[in-house]
Amino acid sequence: MGLGDKISNKAEELKGKAKEGTADAKNDSDLKAEGKADQTSAKAKQAGEEVKDAWKNATD
């Protein structure tokens, strides 16, 4: 996984956590769901990149 991808995915995850925190403060269930979706998306991307890295390392 490239450093740029790692940073981008982590930023997306943190953005989701921030949205979720804001939603809790405002009692906004739609924003909370959006924050959770952002986190899930980022974690899925991170997992995909880890699989690619593992495959690359296994074939080297």
N, C-alpha and C. Protein backbone atom coordinates (compact mmCIF):
# COMPACT_ATOMS: atom_id res chain seq x y z
N MET A 1 0.85 -1.15 0.00
CA MET A 1 0.00 0.00 0.00
C MET A 1 0.90 1.22 0.00
N GLY A 2 0.63 2.15 -0.89
CA GLY A 2 1.42 3.36 -0.93
C GLY A 2 1.11 4.27 0.24
N LEU A 3 2.08 5.08 0.58
CA LEU A 3 1.91 6.00 1.70
C LEU A 3 0.74 6.95 1.46
N GLY A 4 0.58 7.41 0.23
CA GLY A 4 -0.53 8.30 -0.09
C GLY A 4 -1.87 7.65 0.16
N ASP A 5 -1.99 6.37 -0.20
CA ASP A 5 -3.23 5.62 0.03
C ASP A 5 -3.50 5.47 1.53
N LYS A 6 -2.44 5.16 2.28
CA LYS A 6 -2.60 5.00 3.72
C LYS A 6 -3.09 6.29 4.36
N ILE A 7 -2.51 7.40 3.96
CA ILE A 7 -2.89 8.70 4.51
C ILE A 7 -4.32 9.04 4.12
N SER A 8 -4.66 8.82 2.87
CA SER A 8 -6.01 9.11 2.39
C SER A 8 -7.07 8.27 3.11
N ASN A 9 -6.80 6.99 3.26
CA ASN A 9 -7.76 6.11 3.94
C ASN A 9 -7.90 6.47 5.41
N LYS A 10 -6.80 6.80 6.07
CA LYS A 10 -6.86 7.18 7.47
C LYS A 10 -7.61 8.50 7.62
N ALA A 11 -7.39 9.43 6.70
CA ALA A 11 -8.10 10.71 6.75
C ALA A 11 -9.60 10.50 6.59
N GLU A 12 -9.98 9.60 5.69
CA GLU A 12 -11.41 9.31 5.51
C GLU A 12 -12.00 8.69 6.78
N GLU A 13 -11.24 7.81 7.41
CA GLU A 13 -11.71 7.19 8.65
C GLU A 13 -11.89 8.25 9.75
N LEU A 14 -10.91 9.14 9.88
CA LEU A 14 -10.99 10.19 10.90
C LEU A 14 -12.13 11.17 10.62
N LYS A 15 -12.36 11.44 9.34
CA LYS A 15 -13.48 12.31 8.96
C LYS A 15 -14.79 11.68 9.40
N GLY A 16 -14.91 10.38 9.22
CA GLY A 16 -16.11 9.67 9.64
C GLY A 16 -16.30 9.72 11.14
N LYS A 17 -15.19 9.57 11.88
CA LYS A 17 -15.27 9.65 13.35
C LYS A 17 -15.69 11.04 13.79
N ALA A 18 -15.18 12.06 13.11
CA ALA A 18 -15.55 13.44 13.44
C ALA A 18 -17.04 13.68 13.17
N LYS A 19 -17.51 13.18 12.05
CA LYS A 19 -18.94 13.31 11.73
C LYS A 19 -19.79 12.63 12.78
N GLU A 20 -19.36 11.45 13.19
CA GLU A 20 -20.11 10.70 14.19
C GLU A 20 -20.14 11.46 15.52
N GLY A 21 -19.03 12.04 15.90
CA GLY A 21 -18.98 12.83 17.14
C GLY A 21 -19.86 14.06 17.08
N THR A 22 -19.83 14.74 15.94
CA THR A 22 -20.68 15.90 15.75
C THR A 22 -22.15 15.49 15.80
N ALA A 23 -22.45 14.37 15.17
CA ALA A 23 -23.83 13.88 15.15
C ALA A 23 -24.32 13.56 16.55
N ASP A 24 -23.45 13.00 17.38
CA ASP A 24 -23.83 12.71 18.76
C ASP A 24 -24.16 14.00 19.50
N ALA A 25 -23.35 15.03 19.28
CA ALA A 25 -23.56 16.31 19.96
C ALA A 25 -24.86 16.97 19.49
N LYS A 26 -25.19 16.80 18.22
CA LYS A 26 -26.39 17.43 17.65
C LYS A 26 -27.60 16.51 17.68
N ASN A 27 -27.40 15.26 18.09
CA ASN A 27 -28.46 14.26 18.08
C ASN A 27 -29.02 14.09 16.65
N ASP A 28 -28.10 13.96 15.69
CA ASP A 28 -28.45 13.87 14.26
C ASP A 28 -28.15 12.45 13.77
N SER A 29 -29.19 11.64 13.66
CA SER A 29 -28.99 10.24 13.28
C SER A 29 -28.52 10.07 11.84
N ASP A 30 -28.93 10.98 10.94
CA ASP A 30 -28.48 10.88 9.55
C ASP A 30 -26.98 11.13 9.44
N LEU A 31 -26.50 12.15 10.12
CA LEU A 31 -25.06 12.46 10.09
C LEU A 31 -24.26 11.34 10.75
N LYS A 32 -24.81 10.76 11.80
CA LYS A 32 -24.12 9.64 12.47
C LYS A 32 -23.98 8.47 11.51
N ALA A 33 -25.04 8.17 10.78
CA ALA A 33 -24.99 7.07 9.81
C ALA A 33 -23.97 7.37 8.71
N GLU A 34 -23.92 8.62 8.29
CA GLU A 34 -22.95 9.01 7.26
C GLU A 34 -21.52 8.84 7.78
N GLY A 35 -21.29 9.21 9.04
CA GLY A 35 -19.97 9.04 9.64
C GLY A 35 -19.57 7.59 9.73
N LYS A 36 -20.51 6.74 10.13
CA LYS A 36 -20.21 5.31 10.21
C LYS A 36 -19.92 4.74 8.82
N ALA A 37 -20.66 5.21 7.81
CA ALA A 37 -20.44 4.75 6.44
C ALA A 37 -19.04 5.16 5.96
N ASP A 38 -18.62 6.38 6.28
CA ASP A 38 -17.28 6.83 5.90
C ASP A 38 -16.21 5.94 6.54
N GLN A 39 -16.40 5.61 7.80
CA GLN A 39 -15.43 4.76 8.50
C GLN A 39 -15.39 3.36 7.89
N THR A 40 -16.55 2.82 7.59
CA THR A 40 -16.62 1.48 7.01
C THR A 40 -15.94 1.45 5.65
N SER A 41 -16.20 2.48 4.85
CA SER A 41 -15.58 2.57 3.53
C SER A 41 -14.06 2.62 3.64
N ALA A 42 -13.57 3.45 4.54
CA ALA A 42 -12.12 3.59 4.71
C ALA A 42 -11.50 2.27 5.17
N LYS A 43 -12.16 1.60 6.10
CA LYS A 43 -11.62 0.33 6.60
C LYS A 43 -11.62 -0.74 5.51
N ALA A 44 -12.63 -0.73 4.66
CA ALA A 44 -12.68 -1.69 3.55
C ALA A 44 -11.53 -1.43 2.57
N LYS A 45 -11.28 -0.16 2.30
CA LYS A 45 -10.17 0.19 1.40
C LYS A 45 -8.83 -0.24 2.01
N GLN A 46 -8.68 -0.02 3.32
CA GLN A 46 -7.45 -0.41 3.99
C GLN A 46 -7.25 -1.93 3.92
N ALA A 47 -8.33 -2.67 4.11
CA ALA A 47 -8.24 -4.13 4.05
C ALA A 47 -7.87 -4.58 2.64
N GLY A 48 -8.45 -3.96 1.63
CA GLY A 48 -8.12 -4.30 0.25
C GLY A 48 -6.66 -4.03 -0.06
N GLU A 49 -6.16 -2.92 0.42
CA GLU A 49 -4.75 -2.60 0.20
C GLU A 49 -3.84 -3.59 0.92
N GLU A 50 -4.24 -4.03 2.11
CA GLU A 50 -3.44 -5.01 2.84
C GLU A 50 -3.40 -6.35 2.10
N VAL A 51 -4.51 -6.72 1.50
CA VAL A 51 -4.54 -7.96 0.70
C VAL A 51 -3.60 -7.83 -0.49
N LYS A 52 -3.65 -6.68 -1.16
CA LYS A 52 -2.74 -6.47 -2.30
C LYS A 52 -1.29 -6.54 -1.86
N ASP A 53 -0.98 -5.91 -0.71
CA ASP A 53 0.39 -5.95 -0.19
C ASP A 53 0.82 -7.38 0.12
N ALA A 54 -0.07 -8.14 0.75
CA ALA A 54 0.26 -9.52 1.10
C ALA A 54 0.50 -10.35 -0.16
N TRP A 55 -0.33 -10.14 -1.17
CA TRP A 55 -0.18 -10.87 -2.43
C TRP A 55 1.16 -10.51 -3.08
N LYS A 56 1.46 -9.21 -3.09
CA LYS A 56 2.71 -8.75 -3.70
C LYS A 56 3.91 -9.35 -2.97
N ASN A 57 3.85 -9.34 -1.64
CA ASN A 57 4.97 -9.90 -0.86
C ASN A 57 5.09 -11.40 -1.03
N ALA A 58 3.99 -12.08 -1.21
CA ALA A 58 4.01 -13.54 -1.38
C ALA A 58 4.57 -13.93 -2.74
N THR A 59 4.39 -13.08 -3.73
CA THR A 59 4.84 -13.41 -5.08
C THR A 59 6.24 -12.88 -5.37
N ASP A 60 6.80 -12.10 -4.46
CA ASP A 60 8.16 -11.56 -4.67
C ASP A 60 9.22 -12.57 -4.32
